[in-house]
Amino acid sequence: MNPKNPINRRTFLYGFGATLALPYLEIMGGSTHAAQAQQREPRRLACFYIPGAIARHGWFPEDTGRNYTLAASHRPLQRHRDDFTVISNLLHIQGRISGHVHPYNWLTGHNINLNPGTITNTVSMDQVAARHLGPTWLPSLPLSFTSGVGTTTLSRNALGVDIPAIGNHRTVFERLFPPAAPDQLRAAQERLALNRSILDTAGEGVRDFQRQLGQADRRRLEQYLESIREVERRLTDSDQILRRGRPRFDEDRVRLDPESRNSMRQHIELMMDLIALAFQTDMTRVVTHSLGGEGGPNYDEYRTWAMAAGAPVRGAHDVHHKGSGAVDSPDYRVLQSRDEMLCACFARLIERLKDIRASEGTLFDHTVLLFGGAQISSHSGGSFPIILAGGGRLGFRHGQHLRFPGGRKPMSDLYLTILQQLGCPVRSFKESAGPIAEVLA
């Protein structure tokens, strides 16, 4: 294939009117920003959360090792089986919780119920990565099925505070890129200058006040000052990116509106296309995406799956409860249909990333993908369903099923492994005991 005039099957189909979200090989020549600039390829991370329960009998492979038999729910990933690892029996040990609040601590490992009646939290793994993987226009991009905080978002800042997620495709696109028009560019630069001035003034006042405090209050205030310094660094990054300008690609070919606004699959596919575009243009290097809610929305697919399985039509919440039981029940088949659909969306993203040429290898080789959830049945956080993919140029080795002894291996070990392979200078994360050598080359 000629990289200067790349054409593949999707490009051909697009010309005949097929529904395609982003024909990448026409947007930026099928290569990353780093490849075009002949620069070293940056490292990237995307985390995807599966809401509620899974059809556990169809998720976990029966055997382990490199010659394991692919699980039923993972059939859409068959052609990529050498590019991902299925991991069983990871969990939060000290941070184990129950109920529909798992999105709060999936990426933090914190016991959010330490103080009864109050939800407390700590920094999420993606935000540790974001601190070290810049500079980019957006330090991170939290996505979801709808915009908001709480269980809608997976990301928490250094103080454990929710970082709002975005659920609208058009808003995501507008947030991703610096303004192109000269007047908008000037306005953005003026906002940066104003924000920097405000931070400078606040920082001086806080430092004077700090001398009057006791040790405990000084420690709390230092955390606050560190957050100010982080914002200052990001303002400098943003200023440099504004001067560099908006990346060039065919914006008219970017599809931002699903054909059906109540389709789970279309919503997720368009979000994943935007993730690939964000990584390709290097506008961000860290993304989280909650693929749905613990109790909804009640997408159209749930009715379709129920009718095909001969099951009662239920909302997402009831499907998560009823479908995680007996393997021969119609409700189980509904939940497994959802699992297979999510795996098909994930397989599609892998293909997108593989289609984009990087400085060395493909974009997929420089991206770590974490795909999974926190429950095998409703309210049960005893074994996380996890797939780890990508990062071939970052030292990961795949094509296997790893099963650890039940109840002993903290999910934080995997988070630590990912952070270290991304190049983050961390020695621990939450309750980690050490990296997982089995996923490394």
Protein backbone atom coordinates (compact mmCIF):
# COMPACT_ATOMS: atom_id res chain seq x y z
CA MET A 1 0.00 0.00 0.00
CA ASN A 2 1.34 3.44 -0.93
CA PRO A 3 1.36 5.55 2.27
CA LYS A 4 1.04 8.75 0.22
CA ASN A 5 -2.19 7.59 -1.37
CA PRO A 6 -3.58 4.96 1.00
CA ILE A 7 -6.70 3.09 -0.09
CA ASN A 8 -8.20 0.08 1.64
CA ARG A 9 -11.51 -1.75 1.60
CA ARG A 10 -13.25 0.76 3.92
CA THR A 11 -12.31 3.65 1.64
CA PHE A 12 -13.76 1.76 -1.33
CA LEU A 13 -16.99 1.02 0.53
CA TYR A 14 -17.33 4.63 1.60
CA GLY A 15 -17.47 5.67 -2.03
CA PHE A 16 -20.50 3.45 -2.50
CA GLY A 17 -22.38 5.01 0.40
CA ALA A 18 -21.65 2.54 3.16
CA THR A 19 -22.09 3.84 6.72
CA LEU A 20 -18.63 4.57 8.04
CA ALA A 21 -17.83 6.85 10.94
CA LEU A 22 -14.27 7.84 10.11
CA PRO A 23 -12.46 6.68 6.96
CA TYR A 24 -9.07 7.22 8.59
CA LEU A 25 -6.86 6.57 5.62
CA GLU A 26 -8.30 9.67 3.97
CA ILE A 27 -8.15 11.92 7.04
CA MET A 28 -4.44 12.13 7.78
CA GLY A 29 -2.81 9.83 5.27
CA GLY A 30 -3.17 6.84 7.58
CA SER A 31 -0.37 7.92 9.95
CA THR A 32 0.06 9.51 13.35
CA HIS A 33 1.15 13.08 13.94
CA ALA A 34 4.51 11.78 15.19
CA ALA A 35 5.03 9.66 12.07
CA GLN A 36 4.30 12.64 9.82
CA ALA A 37 6.68 14.84 11.80
CA GLN A 38 9.29 12.05 11.99
CA GLN A 39 9.28 12.23 15.78
CA ARG A 40 9.37 9.60 18.50
CA GLU A 41 5.96 8.03 19.03
CA PRO A 42 4.26 8.95 22.34
CA ARG A 43 2.58 6.35 24.57
CA ARG A 44 -1.18 6.26 25.03
CA LEU A 45 -3.80 4.74 27.32
CA ALA A 46 -7.53 4.09 26.94
CA CYS A 47 -9.71 2.43 29.62
CA PHE A 48 -13.21 1.10 28.88
CA TYR A 49 -15.67 0.15 31.63
CA ILE A 50 -18.40 -2.47 31.10
CA PRO A 51 -21.43 -1.55 33.24
CA GLY A 52 -23.20 -3.93 35.58
CA ALA A 53 -22.74 -7.68 35.36
CA ILE A 54 -21.45 -9.90 32.55
CA ALA A 55 -22.61 -13.28 31.26
CA ARG A 56 -19.81 -14.90 33.21
CA HIS A 57 -20.13 -18.42 31.75
CA GLY A 58 -19.40 -16.96 28.33
CA TRP A 59 -16.69 -14.54 29.38
CA PHE A 60 -13.99 -16.48 31.21
CA PRO A 61 -12.17 -19.13 29.13
CA GLU A 62 -12.23 -22.63 30.59
CA ASP A 63 -8.50 -23.25 30.11
CA THR A 64 -5.43 -21.04 30.58
CA GLY A 65 -2.15 -20.40 28.83
CA ARG A 66 -1.40 -19.44 25.25
CA ASN A 67 -3.43 -22.26 23.68
CA TYR A 68 -6.62 -21.49 25.57
CA THR A 69 -10.02 -21.85 23.93
CA LEU A 70 -11.56 -18.49 23.12
CA ALA A 71 -14.61 -17.72 25.28
CA ALA A 72 -17.99 -17.33 23.59
CA SER A 73 -18.35 -13.63 24.38
CA HIS A 74 -14.93 -12.94 22.86
CA ARG A 75 -15.70 -14.41 19.43
CA PRO A 76 -15.70 -10.95 17.76
CA LEU A 77 -12.05 -10.66 18.86
CA GLN A 78 -10.95 -13.92 17.24
CA ARG A 79 -8.75 -12.36 14.55
CA HIS A 80 -6.93 -10.33 17.21
CA ARG A 81 -6.38 -13.10 19.77
CA ASP A 82 -2.59 -12.66 19.65
CA ASP A 83 -3.03 -8.98 20.51
CA PHE A 84 -4.85 -9.26 23.85
CA THR A 85 -4.71 -11.08 27.18
CA VAL A 86 -7.73 -12.28 29.15
CA ILE A 87 -7.12 -11.95 32.90
CA SER A 88 -9.27 -13.65 35.55
CA ASN A 89 -9.64 -13.19 39.31
CA LEU A 90 -8.23 -9.70 39.72
CA LEU A 91 -10.15 -7.55 42.20
CA HIS A 92 -9.88 -4.73 44.69
CA ILE A 93 -9.08 -6.33 48.04
CA GLN A 94 -8.99 -3.53 50.64
CA GLY A 95 -11.02 -1.39 48.26
CA ARG A 96 -13.71 -3.97 47.60
CA ILE A 97 -17.23 -2.52 47.47
CA SER A 98 -20.67 -3.74 46.44
CA GLY A 99 -23.69 -2.37 44.61
CA HIS A 100 -24.01 -0.02 41.67
CA VAL A 101 -21.17 2.30 42.72
CA HIS A 102 -18.33 0.32 41.13
CA PRO A 103 -17.55 3.01 38.52
CA TYR A 104 -16.42 5.23 41.42
CA ASN A 105 -13.43 3.08 42.28
CA TRP A 106 -12.74 0.84 39.28
CA LEU A 107 -9.66 2.91 38.40
CA THR A 108 -8.82 4.05 41.94
CA GLY A 109 -8.99 0.87 44.06
CA HIS A 110 -10.13 2.99 47.00
CA ASN A 111 -12.74 1.88 49.51
CA ILE A 112 -15.18 4.72 48.94
CA ASN A 113 -17.20 3.73 52.02
CA LEU A 114 -14.46 4.30 54.62
CA ASN A 115 -16.51 7.14 56.10
CA PRO A 116 -20.14 5.94 56.42
CA GLY A 117 -22.58 8.20 54.65
CA THR A 118 -19.84 9.94 52.64
CA ILE A 119 -18.15 8.87 49.43
CA THR A 120 -14.41 9.50 49.55
CA ASN A 121 -11.97 8.70 46.78
CA THR A 122 -8.39 8.99 45.58
CA VAL A 123 -6.69 9.58 42.25
CA SER A 124 -7.58 7.26 39.38
CA MET A 125 -4.92 5.37 37.47
CA ASP A 126 -5.62 7.25 34.22
CA GLN A 127 -4.89 10.58 35.90
CA VAL A 128 -1.53 9.33 37.15
CA ALA A 129 -0.77 8.48 33.52
CA ALA A 130 -2.04 11.86 32.32
CA ARG A 131 0.37 13.60 34.69
CA HIS A 132 3.33 12.04 32.86
CA LEU A 133 2.21 11.48 29.24
CA GLY A 134 1.90 15.09 28.06
CA PRO A 135 2.16 17.67 26.76
CA THR A 136 -1.10 17.53 24.80
CA TRP A 137 -4.03 19.86 24.17
CA LEU A 138 -6.17 17.82 26.58
CA PRO A 139 -4.31 16.08 29.45
CA SER A 140 -7.08 13.45 29.43
CA LEU A 141 -10.47 12.85 27.90
CA PRO A 142 -13.18 11.26 30.12
CA LEU A 143 -16.09 9.93 28.02
CA SER A 144 -19.37 8.29 28.93
CA PHE A 145 -22.87 7.39 27.78
CA THR A 146 -24.01 10.78 29.07
CA SER A 147 -22.22 13.84 30.39
CA GLY A 148 -21.72 14.18 34.12
CA VAL A 149 -19.97 13.08 37.31
CA GLY A 150 -20.56 10.36 39.93
CA THR A 151 -20.93 6.90 38.42
CA THR A 152 -20.98 8.49 34.96
CA THR A 153 -17.24 9.18 34.99
CA LEU A 154 -14.29 6.88 35.70
CA SER A 155 -11.73 9.64 36.31
CA ARG A 156 -10.80 11.25 39.66
CA ASN A 157 -8.19 13.95 40.14
CA ALA A 158 -5.33 14.05 42.66
CA LEU A 159 -7.78 14.96 45.43
CA GLY A 160 -10.19 12.15 44.50
CA VAL A 161 -12.72 14.58 43.00
CA ASP A 162 -14.78 13.49 39.99
CA ILE A 163 -13.64 14.75 36.59
CA PRO A 164 -16.80 15.26 34.49
CA ALA A 165 -17.25 12.95 31.51
CA ILE A 166 -18.57 14.00 28.10
CA GLY A 167 -21.38 12.08 26.43
CA ASN A 168 -22.01 14.16 23.30
CA HIS A 169 -19.95 13.35 20.20
CA ARG A 170 -20.00 16.88 18.83
CA THR A 171 -18.89 18.30 22.18
CA VAL A 172 -16.03 15.79 22.26
CA PHE A 173 -14.88 16.88 18.80
CA GLU A 174 -15.05 20.58 19.68
CA ARG A 175 -13.16 19.99 22.92
CA LEU A 176 -10.45 17.97 21.21
CA PHE A 177 -9.02 20.57 18.88
CA PRO A 178 -7.67 24.11 19.23
CA PRO A 179 -9.71 26.80 17.44
CA ALA A 180 -8.93 27.38 13.75
CA ALA A 181 -10.41 30.86 13.10
CA PRO A 182 -8.02 33.77 13.91
CA ASP A 183 -10.51 35.56 16.18
CA GLN A 184 -11.21 32.36 18.11
CA LEU A 185 -7.50 31.71 18.40
CA ARG A 186 -6.87 35.17 19.84
CA ALA A 187 -9.71 34.70 22.33
CA ALA A 188 -8.25 31.36 23.45
CA GLN A 189 -4.82 32.93 23.94
CA GLU A 190 -6.35 35.76 25.97
CA ARG A 191 -8.15 33.24 28.20
CA LEU A 192 -4.89 31.42 28.81
CA ALA A 193 -3.15 34.68 29.75
CA LEU A 194 -5.98 35.60 32.14
CA ASN A 195 -5.95 32.17 33.78
CA ARG A 196 -2.18 32.38 34.23
CA SER A 197 -2.51 35.79 35.87
CA ILE A 198 -5.16 34.54 38.28
CA LEU A 199 -3.02 31.53 39.24
CA ASP A 200 0.05 33.74 39.83
CA THR A 201 -1.92 36.01 42.15
CA ALA A 202 -3.51 33.12 44.05
CA GLY A 203 -0.21 31.28 44.39
CA GLU A 204 1.59 34.21 46.03
CA GLY A 205 -1.19 34.73 48.56
CA VAL A 206 -1.31 31.05 49.47
CA ARG A 207 2.46 30.83 49.98
CA ASP A 208 2.36 33.77 52.43
CA PHE A 209 -0.48 32.10 54.33
CA GLN A 210 1.35 28.74 54.42
CA ARG A 211 4.00 30.04 56.85
CA GLN A 212 1.33 30.51 59.54
CA LEU A 213 0.02 26.92 59.50
CA GLY A 214 0.72 23.77 61.46
CA GLN A 215 2.25 20.65 59.92
CA ALA A 216 -1.02 18.87 59.01
CA ASP A 217 -2.52 21.98 57.41
CA ARG A 218 0.71 22.66 55.55
CA ARG A 219 0.54 19.17 54.07
CA ARG A 220 -3.03 19.74 52.88
CA LEU A 221 -2.10 23.10 51.46
CA GLU A 222 0.89 21.60 49.65
CA GLN A 223 -1.51 19.25 47.85
CA TYR A 224 -3.47 22.28 46.77
CA LEU A 225 -0.33 24.06 45.59
CA GLU A 226 0.70 20.99 43.62
CA SER A 227 -2.65 21.10 41.82
CA ILE A 228 -1.96 24.77 40.99
CA ARG A 229 1.48 23.86 39.63
CA GLU A 230 -0.14 21.15 37.51
CA VAL A 231 -2.54 23.69 36.04
CA GLU A 232 0.36 26.05 35.37
CA ARG A 233 2.20 23.33 33.44
CA ARG A 234 -0.90 22.60 31.40
CA LEU A 235 -1.40 26.28 30.59
CA THR A 236 2.14 26.37 29.21
CA ASP A 237 1.47 23.22 27.17
CA SER A 238 -1.77 24.70 25.81
CA ASP A 239 -0.04 27.92 24.83
CA GLN A 240 2.60 26.01 22.85
CA ILE A 241 -0.04 23.89 21.11
CA LEU A 242 -2.04 26.99 20.17
CA ARG A 243 1.05 28.40 18.50
CA ARG A 244 1.58 25.11 16.66
CA GLY A 245 -1.96 25.31 15.31
CA ARG A 246 -4.86 22.99 14.66
CA PRO A 247 -3.87 19.66 13.08
CA ARG A 248 -4.84 19.31 9.43
CA PHE A 249 -7.30 16.63 8.43
CA ASP A 250 -10.52 16.36 6.47
CA GLU A 251 -12.96 17.51 9.15
CA ASP A 252 -15.93 17.17 6.82
CA ARG A 253 -15.45 13.40 6.82
CA VAL A 254 -15.82 13.12 10.58
CA ARG A 255 -19.24 11.79 11.48
CA LEU A 256 -20.57 13.12 14.79
CA ASP A 257 -24.24 12.18 14.80
CA PRO A 258 -25.42 8.57 15.10
CA GLU A 259 -28.25 7.47 12.84
CA SER A 260 -30.18 6.37 15.94
CA ARG A 261 -29.75 8.41 19.11
CA ASN A 262 -30.85 5.44 21.22
CA SER A 263 -28.41 2.90 19.80
CA MET A 264 -25.80 1.67 22.25
CA ARG A 265 -23.60 0.29 19.49
CA GLN A 266 -23.63 3.45 17.38
CA HIS A 267 -22.92 5.65 20.40
CA ILE A 268 -19.91 3.53 21.39
CA GLU A 269 -18.55 3.14 17.86
CA LEU A 270 -18.58 6.89 17.22
CA MET A 271 -16.87 7.53 20.54
CA MET A 272 -14.18 4.96 19.72
CA ASP A 273 -13.66 6.57 16.32
CA LEU A 274 -13.10 9.90 18.06
CA ILE A 275 -10.64 8.23 20.43
CA ALA A 276 -8.63 6.91 17.50
CA LEU A 277 -8.68 10.36 15.89
CA ALA A 278 -7.58 12.00 19.16
CA PHE A 279 -4.65 9.59 19.47
CA GLN A 280 -3.74 9.93 15.81
CA THR A 281 -3.63 13.74 15.95
CA ASP A 282 -1.98 13.64 19.42
CA MET A 283 -4.57 15.94 20.98
CA THR A 284 -4.69 13.69 24.03
CA ARG A 285 -2.93 10.52 25.14
CA VAL A 286 -5.25 9.38 27.93
CA VAL A 287 -8.94 8.44 27.58
CA THR A 288 -11.51 6.79 29.84
CA HIS A 289 -14.88 5.65 28.57
CA SER A 290 -17.80 4.30 30.59
CA LEU A 291 -19.68 2.20 28.03
CA GLY A 292 -23.05 2.46 29.76
CA GLY A 293 -24.78 2.99 33.07
CA GLU A 294 -25.32 0.54 35.91
CA GLY A 295 -29.04 1.16 35.54
CA GLY A 296 -29.38 2.45 31.98
CA PRO A 297 -29.93 4.01 29.52
CA ASN A 298 -32.34 1.48 28.11
CA TYR A 299 -30.96 1.38 24.60
CA ASP A 300 -32.93 -0.07 21.68
CA GLU A 301 -30.63 -3.09 21.50
CA TYR A 302 -31.98 -4.49 24.78
CA ARG A 303 -35.40 -4.95 23.16
CA THR A 304 -33.85 -6.53 20.06
CA TRP A 305 -31.75 -8.95 22.11
CA ALA A 306 -34.73 -9.90 24.28
CA MET A 307 -36.93 -10.64 21.29
CA ALA A 308 -34.21 -12.78 19.69
CA ALA A 309 -33.68 -14.75 22.92
CA GLY A 310 -37.36 -15.17 23.76
CA ALA A 311 -36.82 -13.25 26.99
CA PRO A 312 -38.98 -10.58 28.65
CA VAL A 313 -38.07 -7.07 27.56
CA ARG A 314 -36.21 -5.51 30.46
CA GLY A 315 -34.24 -2.35 31.11
CA ALA A 316 -30.47 -2.40 31.47
CA HIS A 317 -30.59 -2.63 35.27
CA ASP A 318 -32.82 -5.71 35.25
CA VAL A 319 -30.81 -7.32 32.44
CA HIS A 320 -27.67 -7.01 34.57
CA HIS A 321 -29.46 -8.72 37.47
CA LYS A 322 -31.42 -11.40 35.62
CA GLY A 323 -28.82 -12.17 32.95
CA SER A 324 -25.95 -13.08 35.24
CA GLY A 325 -27.56 -16.33 36.41
CA ALA A 326 -28.21 -19.70 34.77
CA VAL A 327 -26.56 -20.25 31.41
CA ASP A 328 -29.68 -21.81 29.89
CA SER A 329 -32.01 -18.88 30.71
CA PRO A 330 -33.22 -16.47 27.99
CA ASP A 331 -32.12 -13.53 30.17
CA TYR A 332 -28.58 -14.90 30.16
CA ARG A 333 -28.57 -14.91 26.36
CA VAL A 334 -29.61 -11.24 26.37
CA LEU A 335 -26.66 -10.27 28.56
CA GLN A 336 -24.28 -12.36 26.49
CA SER A 337 -25.53 -10.60 23.36
CA ARG A 338 -24.59 -7.32 24.99
CA ASP A 339 -21.15 -8.67 25.93
CA GLU A 340 -20.51 -9.85 22.37
CA MET A 341 -21.60 -6.47 20.99
CA LEU A 342 -19.19 -4.65 23.30
CA CYS A 343 -16.39 -7.00 22.25
CA ALA A 344 -17.26 -6.32 18.60
CA CYS A 345 -16.93 -2.57 19.24
CA PHE A 346 -13.60 -3.19 20.94
CA ALA A 347 -12.40 -5.32 18.01
CA ARG A 348 -13.36 -2.50 15.66
CA LEU A 349 -11.24 -0.04 17.65
CA ILE A 350 -8.28 -2.41 17.50
CA GLU A 351 -8.64 -2.55 13.73
CA ARG A 352 -8.80 1.25 13.54
CA LEU A 353 -5.59 1.61 15.54
CA LYS A 354 -3.83 -1.07 13.50
CA ASP A 355 -4.72 0.81 10.31
CA ILE A 356 -2.84 3.93 11.43
CA ARG A 357 0.90 3.93 10.75
CA ALA A 358 3.15 5.11 13.61
CA SER A 359 6.80 6.10 13.70
CA GLU A 360 7.47 2.43 14.38
CA GLY A 361 4.77 -0.13 13.73
CA THR A 362 1.17 1.03 14.17
CA LEU A 363 -0.75 3.25 16.56
CA PHE A 364 -2.02 0.07 18.25
CA ASP A 365 1.57 -0.90 19.12
CA HIS A 366 1.98 2.31 21.12
CA THR A 367 -1.42 2.22 22.85
CA VAL A 368 -2.48 0.27 25.94
CA LEU A 369 -6.16 -0.68 25.99
CA LEU A 370 -7.87 -1.80 29.21
CA PHE A 371 -11.32 -3.24 28.59
CA GLY A 372 -13.44 -4.70 31.39
CA GLY A 373 -15.55 -4.14 34.45
CA ALA A 374 -15.88 -4.73 38.17
CA GLN A 375 -18.67 -7.31 38.46
CA ILE A 376 -19.26 -10.86 37.27
CA SER A 377 -22.79 -10.76 38.65
CA SER A 378 -24.82 -7.87 39.95
CA HIS A 379 -23.23 -6.22 42.99
CA SER A 380 -20.37 -8.77 43.10
CA GLY A 381 -16.85 -7.35 42.87
CA GLY A 382 -15.10 -10.66 43.56
CA SER A 383 -13.54 -11.17 40.11
CA PHE A 384 -13.12 -8.45 37.52
CA PRO A 385 -13.71 -9.32 33.84
CA ILE A 386 -10.57 -7.90 32.22
CA ILE A 387 -8.99 -7.80 28.76
CA LEU A 388 -5.65 -6.08 28.25
CA ALA A 389 -4.67 -5.28 24.67
CA GLY A 390 -2.07 -3.43 22.62
CA GLY A 391 1.26 -1.96 23.65
CA GLY A 392 3.38 -4.38 21.64
CA ARG A 393 6.12 -1.72 21.36
CA LEU A 394 5.78 -0.94 25.07
CA GLY A 395 6.83 -4.38 26.27
CA PHE A 396 3.51 -6.23 26.53
CA ARG A 397 3.07 -9.85 25.46
CA HIS A 398 -0.39 -11.18 24.65
CA GLY A 399 -2.26 -14.14 23.21
CA GLN A 400 -3.02 -15.83 26.53
CA HIS A 401 -5.47 -16.35 29.38
CA LEU A 402 -4.10 -15.68 32.87
CA ARG A 403 -6.04 -16.96 35.87
CA PHE A 404 -4.81 -16.01 39.33
CA PRO A 405 -5.89 -17.61 42.63
CA GLY A 406 -9.24 -16.19 43.67
CA GLY A 407 -9.33 -13.26 46.05
CA ARG A 408 -5.57 -12.71 46.26
CA LYS A 409 -4.38 -10.63 43.31
CA PRO A 410 -5.16 -6.91 43.50
CA MET A 411 -6.27 -5.09 40.37
CA SER A 412 -3.79 -2.42 41.41
CA ASP A 413 -0.97 -4.76 40.33
CA LEU A 414 -2.22 -4.46 36.75
CA TYR A 415 -2.56 -0.70 37.09
CA LEU A 416 1.03 -0.48 38.33
CA THR A 417 2.20 -2.64 35.41
CA ILE A 418 0.44 -0.41 32.88
CA LEU A 419 1.76 2.80 34.42
CA GLN A 420 5.33 1.55 34.48
CA GLN A 421 5.21 0.32 30.87
CA LEU A 422 3.84 3.72 29.87
CA GLY A 423 7.00 5.20 31.34
CA CYS A 424 5.42 6.75 34.43
CA PRO A 425 7.95 7.03 37.32
CA VAL A 426 5.82 5.22 39.90
CA ARG A 427 6.75 2.38 42.24
CA SER A 428 3.30 1.57 43.54
CA PHE A 429 -0.37 2.26 43.02
CA LYS A 430 -2.92 1.93 45.82
CA GLU A 431 -2.69 -1.66 47.15
CA SER A 432 -0.25 -2.99 44.54
CA ALA A 433 2.36 -5.57 45.56
CA GLY A 434 4.28 -5.41 42.29
CA PRO A 435 3.91 -5.55 38.49
CA ILE A 436 2.44 -8.58 36.71
CA ALA A 437 5.39 -10.12 34.89
CA GLU A 438 3.19 -12.59 33.00
CA VAL A 439 1.88 -9.88 30.64
CA LEU A 440 5.35 -8.58 29.79
CA ALA A 441 7.73 -9.76 27.07
